[in-house]
N, C-alpha and C. Protein backbone atom coordinates (compact mmCIF):
# COMPACT_ATOMS: atom_id res chain seq x y z
N MET A 1 30.62 -14.98 -38.71
CA MET A 1 29.50 -14.84 -37.71
C MET A 1 29.41 -13.22 -37.57
N PRO A 2 28.21 -12.68 -37.69
CA PRO A 2 27.72 -11.41 -37.62
C PRO A 2 28.06 -10.82 -36.32
N THR A 3 28.48 -9.72 -36.08
CA THR A 3 28.79 -9.19 -34.68
C THR A 3 27.95 -7.88 -34.65
N ILE A 4 27.67 -7.53 -33.35
CA ILE A 4 27.01 -6.41 -33.11
C ILE A 4 28.03 -5.43 -32.11
N THR A 5 28.37 -4.33 -32.37
CA THR A 5 29.06 -3.47 -31.61
C THR A 5 28.42 -2.28 -31.10
N ILE A 6 28.31 -2.32 -29.77
CA ILE A 6 27.59 -1.17 -29.13
C ILE A 6 28.69 -0.45 -28.23
N ASP A 7 28.77 0.76 -28.46
CA ASP A 7 29.65 1.64 -27.94
C ASP A 7 29.03 2.07 -26.49
N ASN A 8 27.90 2.23 -26.39
CA ASN A 8 27.20 2.57 -25.04
C ASN A 8 25.78 2.12 -25.06
N ILE A 9 25.43 1.01 -24.37
CA ILE A 9 24.25 0.42 -24.51
C ILE A 9 23.21 1.35 -23.93
N ARG A 10 23.45 2.30 -23.30
CA ARG A 10 22.37 3.33 -22.70
C ARG A 10 21.83 4.22 -23.99
N ASP A 11 22.68 4.40 -25.09
CA ASP A 11 22.30 5.07 -26.21
C ASP A 11 21.30 4.22 -27.10
N TRP A 12 21.20 2.91 -26.76
CA TRP A 12 20.53 2.00 -27.68
C TRP A 12 18.92 1.78 -26.97
N PRO A 13 17.99 2.37 -27.60
CA PRO A 13 16.73 1.92 -26.99
C PRO A 13 16.37 0.32 -27.32
N PRO A 14 15.67 -0.23 -26.43
CA PRO A 14 15.46 -1.76 -26.53
C PRO A 14 15.07 -1.94 -27.87
N GLU A 15 14.14 -1.28 -28.63
CA GLU A 15 13.82 -1.73 -30.12
C GLU A 15 14.91 -1.78 -30.95
N ARG A 16 15.92 -0.89 -30.84
CA ARG A 16 17.11 -0.86 -31.65
C ARG A 16 17.92 -2.00 -31.57
N PHE A 17 18.03 -2.36 -30.26
CA PHE A 17 18.89 -3.57 -29.95
C PHE A 17 18.25 -4.77 -30.43
N GLU A 18 17.00 -4.89 -30.10
CA GLU A 18 16.28 -6.11 -30.70
C GLU A 18 16.32 -6.24 -32.06
N ALA A 19 16.19 -5.27 -32.87
CA ALA A 19 16.33 -5.34 -34.44
C ALA A 19 17.65 -5.59 -34.83
N ALA A 20 18.65 -5.14 -34.21
CA ALA A 20 20.07 -5.53 -34.37
C ALA A 20 20.35 -7.05 -34.11
N LEU A 21 19.88 -7.50 -32.95
CA LEU A 21 20.14 -8.73 -32.64
C LEU A 21 19.25 -9.65 -33.66
N ARG A 22 18.04 -9.45 -33.87
CA ARG A 22 17.27 -10.26 -34.94
C ARG A 22 17.98 -10.37 -36.21
N GLU A 23 18.62 -9.31 -36.69
CA GLU A 23 19.38 -9.20 -38.04
C GLU A 23 20.47 -9.95 -38.08
N ALA A 24 21.45 -10.02 -36.80
CA ALA A 24 22.56 -10.61 -36.72
C ALA A 24 22.16 -12.27 -36.56
N ILE A 25 21.02 -12.61 -35.95
CA ILE A 25 20.77 -14.05 -35.85
C ILE A 25 20.30 -14.43 -37.01
N GLY A 26 19.57 -13.69 -37.73
CA GLY A 26 18.89 -14.08 -39.06
C GLY A 26 19.75 -14.36 -40.14
N SER A 27 20.92 -13.53 -40.19
CA SER A 27 21.84 -13.72 -41.10
C SER A 27 23.01 -14.71 -41.15
N THR A 28 22.90 -15.59 -40.01
CA THR A 28 23.96 -16.58 -39.72
C THR A 28 23.42 -17.91 -40.02
N SER A 29 24.13 -18.57 -40.87
CA SER A 29 23.93 -19.99 -41.21
C SER A 29 24.37 -20.87 -40.13
N PRO A 30 23.68 -22.10 -39.87
CA PRO A 30 24.20 -22.91 -38.75
C PRO A 30 25.70 -23.46 -39.15
N VAL A 31 26.06 -23.45 -40.40
CA VAL A 31 27.60 -23.92 -40.63
C VAL A 31 28.36 -22.69 -40.18
N ASP A 32 28.05 -21.52 -40.46
CA ASP A 32 28.84 -20.47 -40.14
C ASP A 32 29.21 -20.35 -38.58
N ALA A 33 27.83 -20.40 -37.93
CA ALA A 33 27.99 -20.40 -36.37
C ALA A 33 28.70 -21.54 -35.99
N LEU A 34 28.65 -22.66 -36.43
CA LEU A 34 29.57 -23.99 -36.02
C LEU A 34 30.94 -23.55 -36.29
N ILE A 35 31.35 -23.20 -37.41
CA ILE A 35 32.75 -22.64 -37.51
C ILE A 35 33.14 -21.55 -36.68
N ALA A 36 32.45 -20.78 -36.25
CA ALA A 36 32.86 -19.60 -35.43
C ALA A 36 33.12 -20.31 -33.81
N THR A 37 32.17 -21.14 -33.56
CA THR A 37 32.23 -22.02 -32.28
C THR A 37 33.50 -22.75 -32.22
N VAL A 38 33.88 -23.50 -33.18
CA VAL A 38 35.08 -24.18 -33.36
C VAL A 38 36.21 -23.30 -33.39
N GLU A 39 36.26 -22.29 -33.96
CA GLU A 39 37.54 -21.36 -33.76
C GLU A 39 37.62 -20.84 -32.34
N ARG A 40 36.38 -20.66 -31.70
CA ARG A 40 36.63 -20.26 -30.23
C ARG A 40 37.13 -21.34 -29.37
N LEU A 41 36.62 -22.66 -29.47
CA LEU A 41 37.09 -23.68 -28.87
C LEU A 41 38.72 -23.89 -29.07
N THR A 42 39.12 -23.76 -30.40
CA THR A 42 40.61 -23.99 -30.62
C THR A 42 41.37 -23.06 -29.87
N ARG A 43 40.83 -21.59 -29.85
CA ARG A 43 41.81 -20.81 -28.85
C ARG A 43 41.86 -21.24 -27.41
N TYR A 44 40.71 -21.81 -26.84
CA TYR A 44 40.91 -22.06 -25.57
C TYR A 44 41.82 -23.38 -25.46
N GLU A 45 41.71 -24.32 -26.29
CA GLU A 45 42.73 -25.36 -26.36
C GLU A 45 43.86 -24.96 -26.31
N GLU A 46 44.42 -23.99 -27.37
CA GLU A 46 45.66 -23.49 -27.48
C GLU A 46 46.08 -22.84 -26.11
N LYS A 47 45.26 -22.00 -25.51
CA LYS A 47 45.50 -21.28 -24.35
C LYS A 47 45.81 -22.26 -23.32
N PHE A 48 45.12 -23.41 -23.09
CA PHE A 48 45.05 -24.06 -21.93
C PHE A 48 45.87 -25.52 -22.01
N GLY A 49 46.22 -25.69 -23.43
CA GLY A 49 46.98 -26.78 -23.71
C GLY A 49 46.36 -28.13 -23.47
N MET A 50 44.93 -28.20 -23.63
CA MET A 50 44.11 -29.13 -23.53
C MET A 50 42.92 -29.40 -24.59
N GLU A 51 42.63 -30.69 -24.89
CA GLU A 51 41.46 -30.85 -25.93
C GLU A 51 40.30 -30.52 -25.20
N THR A 52 39.28 -30.07 -25.88
CA THR A 52 38.09 -29.56 -25.23
C THR A 52 37.09 -30.82 -24.71
N PRO A 53 37.02 -31.86 -25.17
CA PRO A 53 36.21 -32.99 -24.53
C PRO A 53 37.15 -33.45 -23.28
N ASP A 54 38.36 -33.44 -23.08
CA ASP A 54 39.18 -33.80 -21.96
C ASP A 54 38.86 -32.74 -20.81
N PHE A 55 38.97 -31.50 -21.36
CA PHE A 55 38.63 -30.42 -20.34
C PHE A 55 37.14 -30.53 -19.89
N TYR A 56 36.24 -30.75 -20.73
CA TYR A 56 34.93 -30.64 -20.33
C TYR A 56 34.70 -31.80 -19.38
N GLU A 57 35.06 -33.03 -19.55
CA GLU A 57 35.12 -34.12 -18.64
C GLU A 57 35.43 -33.62 -17.22
N LYS A 58 36.65 -33.07 -17.15
CA LYS A 58 37.22 -32.70 -15.80
C LYS A 58 36.44 -31.52 -15.23
N PHE A 59 35.91 -30.64 -15.96
CA PHE A 59 35.17 -29.49 -15.64
C PHE A 59 33.89 -30.00 -15.00
N VAL A 60 33.03 -30.92 -15.71
CA VAL A 60 31.79 -31.38 -15.17
C VAL A 60 32.11 -32.19 -13.89
N ARG A 61 33.40 -32.85 -13.54
CA ARG A 61 33.50 -33.62 -12.34
C ARG A 61 34.15 -32.65 -11.28
N GLY A 62 34.16 -31.33 -11.61
CA GLY A 62 34.68 -30.34 -10.65
C GLY A 62 36.08 -30.25 -10.41
N GLU A 63 36.84 -30.68 -11.45
CA GLU A 63 38.35 -30.95 -11.38
C GLU A 63 39.13 -29.59 -11.80
N MET A 64 38.34 -28.67 -12.42
CA MET A 64 38.96 -27.83 -13.04
C MET A 64 38.70 -26.29 -12.24
N GLY A 65 37.93 -26.07 -11.46
CA GLY A 65 37.70 -24.93 -10.68
C GLY A 65 36.44 -24.30 -11.39
N ASP A 66 36.30 -23.11 -11.01
CA ASP A 66 35.46 -22.15 -11.74
C ASP A 66 35.94 -20.77 -12.07
N ALA A 67 37.03 -20.92 -12.71
CA ALA A 67 37.72 -19.59 -13.23
C ALA A 67 36.69 -19.15 -14.37
N LYS A 68 36.48 -17.99 -14.69
CA LYS A 68 35.69 -17.30 -15.75
C LYS A 68 35.95 -17.91 -16.96
N ASP A 69 37.34 -18.13 -17.51
CA ASP A 69 37.66 -18.78 -18.74
C ASP A 69 37.12 -20.30 -18.77
N TYR A 70 37.14 -20.85 -17.69
CA TYR A 70 36.48 -22.36 -17.73
C TYR A 70 35.12 -22.27 -17.82
N ILE A 71 34.42 -21.36 -17.24
CA ILE A 71 33.02 -21.45 -17.36
C ILE A 71 32.66 -21.17 -18.81
N ALA A 72 33.27 -20.17 -19.55
CA ALA A 72 33.04 -19.80 -20.81
C ALA A 72 33.30 -20.93 -21.73
N TRP A 73 34.57 -21.58 -21.54
CA TRP A 73 34.96 -22.70 -22.25
C TRP A 73 33.73 -23.81 -22.40
N ALA A 74 33.34 -24.07 -21.07
CA ALA A 74 32.33 -25.16 -21.01
C ALA A 74 31.16 -24.85 -21.66
N GLY A 75 30.54 -23.46 -21.63
CA GLY A 75 29.48 -22.94 -22.17
C GLY A 75 29.63 -23.15 -23.86
N THR A 76 30.65 -22.71 -24.11
CA THR A 76 31.07 -22.77 -25.68
C THR A 76 30.89 -24.11 -26.06
N TYR A 77 31.54 -25.06 -25.38
CA TYR A 77 31.37 -26.50 -25.82
C TYR A 77 30.01 -27.15 -25.85
N GLU A 78 29.15 -26.37 -24.82
CA GLU A 78 27.83 -26.97 -24.72
C GLU A 78 27.04 -26.37 -25.89
N ILE A 79 27.32 -25.22 -26.44
CA ILE A 79 26.85 -24.50 -27.72
C ILE A 79 27.27 -25.34 -28.87
N PHE A 80 28.53 -25.81 -28.99
CA PHE A 80 29.04 -26.55 -29.96
C PHE A 80 28.25 -27.88 -30.15
N GLN A 81 27.98 -28.57 -29.11
CA GLN A 81 27.18 -29.76 -29.09
C GLN A 81 25.75 -29.71 -29.62
N ARG A 82 25.17 -28.43 -29.23
CA ARG A 82 23.89 -28.20 -29.76
C ARG A 82 23.85 -27.82 -31.11
N GLN A 83 24.84 -27.17 -31.55
CA GLN A 83 25.00 -26.93 -32.87
C GLN A 83 25.22 -28.10 -33.86
N GLN A 84 25.87 -29.09 -33.35
CA GLN A 84 25.98 -30.38 -34.05
C GLN A 84 24.65 -30.99 -34.02
N ASP A 85 24.05 -30.99 -32.94
CA ASP A 85 22.46 -31.64 -33.19
C ASP A 85 21.51 -31.08 -34.07
N VAL A 86 21.61 -29.72 -34.17
CA VAL A 86 20.99 -29.01 -35.10
C VAL A 86 21.39 -29.45 -36.60
N LEU A 87 22.53 -29.40 -36.65
CA LEU A 87 23.11 -29.86 -38.27
C LEU A 87 22.69 -31.30 -38.34
N ARG A 88 22.82 -32.23 -37.55
CA ARG A 88 22.52 -33.56 -37.67
C ARG A 88 20.88 -33.58 -38.11
N GLU A 89 20.16 -32.81 -37.35
CA GLU A 89 18.74 -32.79 -37.67
C GLU A 89 18.41 -32.26 -38.92
N ILE A 90 19.02 -31.09 -39.50
CA ILE A 90 18.78 -30.75 -40.67
C ILE A 90 19.18 -31.84 -41.75
N ASN A 91 20.34 -32.44 -41.56
CA ASN A 91 20.93 -33.46 -42.46
C ASN A 91 19.80 -34.55 -42.72
N ALA A 92 19.40 -35.06 -41.38
CA ALA A 92 18.41 -36.17 -41.33
C ALA A 92 17.18 -35.68 -42.13
N ARG A 93 16.72 -34.44 -42.11
CA ARG A 93 15.60 -33.99 -42.74
C ARG A 93 15.75 -33.93 -44.35
N LEU A 94 17.03 -33.46 -44.78
CA LEU A 94 17.33 -33.47 -46.16
C LEU A 94 17.69 -34.71 -46.81
N TYR A 95 18.22 -35.66 -46.02
CA TYR A 95 18.55 -37.04 -46.67
C TYR A 95 18.05 -38.10 -45.69
N PRO A 96 16.56 -38.11 -45.77
CA PRO A 96 16.07 -39.21 -44.78
C PRO A 96 16.62 -40.62 -45.20
């Protein structure tokens, strides 16, 4: 997955940032994005010793608290779910 490294955001005019962001987004395939998301989820699972679906159920029920890492993990899982939906839609269009 492409990354954008910004040493000092104040040195970047909005046009430059937008162009870099468009380039990064445009060069990412849905499969590459999904793989990167799975890698992030795996790191959370290893760090906290819990499978993501189990964590997410507890998080949604309010049983996990609101630590920064938990919020990021839940958000990453929601991104993962959307990415799967996109890939299913692409697959359905290619193989009706």
